[in-house]
Amino acid sequence: MTTMENIACLSKSRLFQGIERKELEDVCRFVVPSEGKFLKNQIIVNQGEVLSRVGILKKGTAFNTKYHFNGNEQILRIYRQGEVLSLDAVSTTLSTSPVTIVSQSDSSVLFLTYKRIFETPEIDCSLKERILFNSSEILGNELIRLMYKIDVLSKRTLQERILTYLSLIREKNNSDTFEIDMNQEQLAQYLCVNRSALSKELNLMRRKGMIHYRGKRYTLIQAIR
């Protein structure tokens, strides 16, 4: 990837929001980003891996998943183009990834060593402050996202979990009809249930006239308001 392509990728990321092109050129000159390409279902980051780099998803989608000692896995969130990977891990004392990040489609990621930005004297202090501000905003949004998931999983029944999740997506899209980022297998992992139980409950809710769905496209008829 050329320097111009790196700058274009960085400029679309929330981590570098509000930063001028000249300053992005400084980041590329002193931090030297590198690109990684991944096939569908290929691991980008391993759970437990010690990290020094954040990644910016240049192309494709990815999801992070938590593997448990009993062999179960749980999808926590989906990443889209321009979003930042592993910022939470590199911002901690141990810099260890709590999740595995997997490419959901053929994708490319621009990696850069996060702490090098702040350890390089040639990079202006105002630029470092802006990146820190953007980082705190990203981590704050991740905390809100986690609170939404806790709200979903705190529901006692599977039907309540489904309605809560779909209501959150409906609110985000401001429409009763919308598409979600996950297939049924991935949605079952997100809701911490097996796929057959989810499929059975979705079909029951459709027969009751609560929802309509086809593939990843849902219409929420009975929402939690």
Protein backbone atom coordinates (compact mmCIF):
# COMPACT_ATOMS: atom_id res chain seq x y z
CA MET A 1 0.00 0.00 0.00
CA THR A 2 1.34 3.43 -0.93
CA THR A 3 1.65 6.37 1.47
CA MET A 4 -1.30 8.07 -0.25
CA GLU A 5 -3.43 4.95 0.24
CA ASN A 6 -2.37 4.79 3.90
CA ILE A 7 -3.36 8.44 4.39
CA ALA A 8 -6.73 7.83 2.71
CA CYS A 9 -7.36 4.86 5.03
CA LEU A 10 -6.35 6.78 8.17
CA SER A 11 -8.49 9.78 7.22
CA LYS A 12 -11.62 7.58 7.18
CA SER A 13 -10.97 6.20 10.66
CA ARG A 14 -12.50 7.72 13.77
CA LEU A 15 -9.10 7.40 15.47
CA PHE A 16 -7.74 10.12 13.16
CA GLN A 17 -10.91 12.20 12.88
CA GLY A 18 -10.23 15.96 12.70
CA ILE A 19 -6.57 15.52 11.76
CA GLU A 20 -5.09 17.36 8.77
CA ARG A 21 -3.46 15.63 5.82
CA LYS A 22 -0.01 17.03 6.71
CA GLU A 23 -0.30 15.52 10.18
CA LEU A 24 -1.37 12.17 8.71
CA GLU A 25 1.74 12.30 6.53
CA ASP A 26 3.80 12.67 9.73
CA VAL A 27 2.08 9.63 11.22
CA CYS A 28 2.87 7.56 8.13
CA ARG A 29 6.46 8.81 8.03
CA PHE A 30 7.34 8.06 11.65
CA VAL A 31 4.99 5.20 12.59
CA VAL A 32 5.14 3.37 9.22
CA PRO A 33 1.80 1.49 8.98
CA SER A 34 1.73 -1.95 7.35
CA GLU A 35 -1.12 -3.75 5.62
CA GLY A 36 -2.32 -7.28 6.34
CA LYS A 37 -4.69 -9.20 4.05
CA PHE A 38 -7.00 -11.90 5.39
CA LEU A 39 -9.29 -14.47 3.84
CA LYS A 40 -12.82 -15.14 5.07
CA ASN A 41 -12.77 -16.86 8.50
CA GLN A 42 -9.04 -16.23 8.93
CA ILE A 43 -7.88 -15.10 12.37
CA ILE A 44 -6.62 -11.52 12.55
CA VAL A 45 -5.87 -11.46 16.30
CA ASN A 46 -5.75 -14.40 18.71
CA GLN A 47 -7.32 -14.35 22.16
CA GLY A 48 -4.49 -13.97 24.69
CA GLU A 49 -2.08 -12.48 22.12
CA VAL A 50 0.14 -9.68 23.41
CA LEU A 51 -0.31 -6.68 21.12
CA SER A 52 1.49 -3.47 20.33
CA ARG A 53 -0.48 -2.52 17.22
CA VAL A 54 -3.99 -1.33 16.53
CA GLY A 55 -5.63 -2.17 13.23
CA ILE A 56 -7.88 -0.11 11.00
CA LEU A 57 -10.24 -2.19 8.91
CA LYS A 58 -9.54 -0.97 5.37
CA LYS A 59 -11.80 -3.42 3.55
CA GLY A 60 -14.33 -6.08 4.53
CA THR A 61 -15.88 -6.93 7.89
CA ALA A 62 -14.68 -8.79 10.97
CA PHE A 63 -16.07 -9.94 14.29
CA ASN A 64 -14.58 -10.53 17.71
CA THR A 65 -15.43 -13.67 19.59
CA LYS A 66 -14.72 -14.96 23.07
CA TYR A 67 -13.71 -18.60 23.49
CA HIS A 68 -14.57 -20.27 26.79
CA PHE A 69 -12.90 -23.19 28.56
CA ASN A 70 -15.82 -25.52 27.73
CA GLY A 71 -15.36 -24.97 23.98
CA ASN A 72 -18.23 -22.54 23.54
CA GLU A 73 -17.71 -19.30 21.69
CA GLN A 74 -19.59 -16.04 21.90
CA ILE A 75 -19.66 -13.25 19.31
CA LEU A 76 -19.32 -9.87 20.98
CA ARG A 77 -19.43 -7.41 18.09
CA ILE A 78 -19.02 -6.84 14.36
CA TYR A 79 -16.41 -4.47 12.89
CA ARG A 80 -17.04 -2.53 9.70
CA GLN A 81 -14.78 -0.65 7.31
CA GLY A 82 -12.87 2.17 9.02
CA GLU A 83 -13.32 0.85 12.56
CA VAL A 84 -10.40 0.32 14.92
CA LEU A 85 -9.33 -3.13 16.12
CA SER A 86 -7.62 -3.89 19.45
CA LEU A 87 -7.54 -0.33 20.81
CA ASP A 88 -8.86 -1.64 24.13
CA ALA A 89 -6.06 -4.23 24.40
CA VAL A 90 -3.14 -1.90 23.59
CA SER A 91 -4.52 0.66 26.05
CA THR A 92 -4.17 -1.73 29.01
CA THR A 93 -1.17 -2.56 31.21
CA LEU A 94 -0.74 -6.10 29.88
CA SER A 95 -1.65 -5.26 26.25
CA THR A 96 -3.28 -8.69 25.92
CA SER A 97 -6.24 -9.29 23.62
CA PRO A 98 -9.29 -10.57 25.54
CA VAL A 99 -10.90 -11.82 22.31
CA THR A 100 -10.16 -13.44 18.97
CA ILE A 101 -10.82 -11.22 15.95
CA VAL A 102 -11.86 -13.13 12.82
CA SER A 103 -12.28 -11.87 9.27
CA GLN A 104 -15.95 -12.25 8.33
CA SER A 105 -15.14 -11.72 4.64
CA ASP A 106 -11.99 -11.26 2.60
CA SER A 107 -10.53 -8.16 4.22
CA SER A 108 -7.48 -5.97 4.66
CA VAL A 109 -6.27 -4.25 7.82
CA LEU A 110 -3.84 -1.36 8.22
CA PHE A 111 -1.72 -1.94 11.34
CA LEU A 112 0.25 0.69 13.23
CA THR A 113 2.15 0.64 16.51
CA TYR A 114 -0.07 2.71 18.79
CA LYS A 115 2.42 3.77 21.48
CA ARG A 116 4.99 4.81 18.90
CA ILE A 117 2.72 7.72 18.03
CA PHE A 118 3.19 9.13 21.54
CA GLU A 119 6.87 8.18 21.88
CA THR A 120 7.95 9.96 18.68
CA PRO A 121 9.15 13.52 19.44
CA GLU A 122 8.77 14.58 15.79
CA ILE A 123 5.00 14.16 16.03
CA ASP A 124 3.36 17.36 17.27
CA CYS A 125 1.86 17.33 20.78
CA SER A 126 -1.46 18.74 19.56
CA LEU A 127 -1.76 15.77 17.19
CA LYS A 128 -1.09 13.34 20.04
CA GLU A 129 -3.74 15.07 22.15
CA ARG A 130 -6.28 14.78 19.33
CA ILE A 131 -5.57 11.06 18.92
CA LEU A 132 -5.95 10.57 22.68
CA PHE A 133 -9.28 12.42 22.58
CA ASN A 134 -10.48 10.27 19.68
CA SER A 135 -9.27 7.13 21.48
CA SER A 136 -11.25 7.98 24.60
CA GLU A 137 -14.35 8.59 22.48
CA ILE A 138 -13.95 5.21 20.74
CA LEU A 139 -13.46 3.39 24.05
CA GLY A 140 -16.47 5.22 25.51
CA ASN A 141 -18.61 4.05 22.60
CA GLU A 142 -17.36 0.51 23.16
CA LEU A 143 -18.47 0.76 26.78
CA ILE A 144 -21.96 1.84 25.71
CA ARG A 145 -22.05 -1.03 23.21
CA LEU A 146 -21.14 -3.42 26.02
CA MET A 147 -23.90 -2.00 28.21
CA TYR A 148 -26.41 -2.65 25.41
CA LYS A 149 -25.26 -6.25 25.22
CA ILE A 150 -25.55 -6.67 28.99
CA ASP A 151 -29.11 -5.35 28.68
CA VAL A 152 -29.87 -7.98 26.02
CA LEU A 153 -28.35 -10.88 27.96
CA SER A 154 -29.97 -9.85 31.24
CA LYS A 155 -33.42 -10.79 29.88
CA ARG A 156 -34.80 -13.99 31.36
CA THR A 157 -36.30 -15.55 28.23
CA LEU A 158 -34.92 -15.99 24.72
CA GLN A 159 -37.91 -14.13 23.27
CA GLU A 160 -37.11 -11.12 25.46
CA ARG A 161 -33.46 -11.23 24.36
CA ILE A 162 -34.45 -11.31 20.70
CA LEU A 163 -36.95 -8.47 21.08
CA THR A 164 -34.48 -6.36 23.05
CA TYR A 165 -31.74 -6.87 20.48
CA LEU A 166 -34.01 -6.18 17.51
CA SER A 167 -35.46 -3.12 19.25
CA LEU A 168 -31.95 -1.69 19.66
CA ILE A 169 -31.24 -2.22 15.95
CA ARG A 170 -34.63 -0.73 15.04
CA GLU A 171 -33.86 2.37 17.13
CA LYS A 172 -30.43 2.72 15.52
CA ASN A 173 -31.90 2.52 11.99
CA ASN A 174 -35.07 4.47 12.82
CA SER A 175 -37.07 1.92 10.84
CA ASP A 176 -39.17 -1.13 11.64
CA THR A 177 -37.47 -2.99 8.77
CA PHE A 178 -33.70 -3.37 8.80
CA GLU A 179 -30.81 -5.75 8.18
CA ILE A 180 -28.54 -7.14 10.88
CA ASP A 181 -24.84 -7.98 10.44
CA MET A 182 -25.11 -11.60 11.57
CA ASN A 183 -26.48 -14.83 10.19
CA GLN A 184 -28.51 -17.10 12.51
CA GLU A 185 -25.49 -19.04 13.74
CA GLN A 186 -23.69 -15.82 14.66
CA LEU A 187 -26.82 -14.31 16.20
CA ALA A 188 -27.23 -17.44 18.34
CA GLN A 189 -23.65 -17.03 19.58
CA TYR A 190 -24.29 -13.35 20.30
CA LEU A 191 -27.41 -14.23 22.33
CA CYS A 192 -25.61 -17.13 24.08
CA VAL A 193 -28.01 -19.84 22.89
CA ASN A 194 -27.74 -22.70 20.41
CA ARG A 195 -28.86 -22.19 16.84
CA SER A 196 -31.76 -24.67 16.94
CA ALA A 197 -33.30 -22.92 19.96
CA LEU A 198 -32.98 -19.55 18.23
CA SER A 199 -34.48 -20.84 14.98
CA LYS A 200 -37.41 -22.39 16.86
CA GLU A 201 -38.08 -19.16 18.78
CA LEU A 202 -37.82 -16.95 15.67
CA ASN A 203 -40.31 -19.16 13.82
CA LEU A 204 -42.69 -19.05 16.79
CA MET A 205 -42.45 -15.26 16.96
CA ARG A 206 -43.13 -15.05 13.23
CA ARG A 207 -46.22 -17.24 13.54
CA LYS A 208 -47.46 -15.02 16.37
CA GLY A 209 -47.06 -11.94 14.16
CA MET A 210 -44.35 -10.40 16.35
CA ILE A 211 -41.66 -10.29 13.67
CA HIS A 212 -41.07 -11.08 10.03
CA TYR A 213 -37.65 -12.07 8.70
CA ARG A 214 -35.90 -13.42 5.66
CA GLY A 215 -32.17 -14.06 5.87
CA LYS A 216 -30.62 -11.07 7.64
CA ARG A 217 -33.58 -8.76 6.95
CA TYR A 218 -36.06 -8.30 9.80
CA THR A 219 -39.29 -6.42 10.34
CA LEU A 220 -40.10 -5.80 13.99
CA ILE A 221 -43.85 -5.67 14.49
CA GLN A 222 -43.88 -5.81 18.29
CA ALA A 223 -41.06 -3.69 19.70
CA ILE A 224 -39.91 -2.99 23.23
CA ARG A 225 -40.46 0.73 23.63
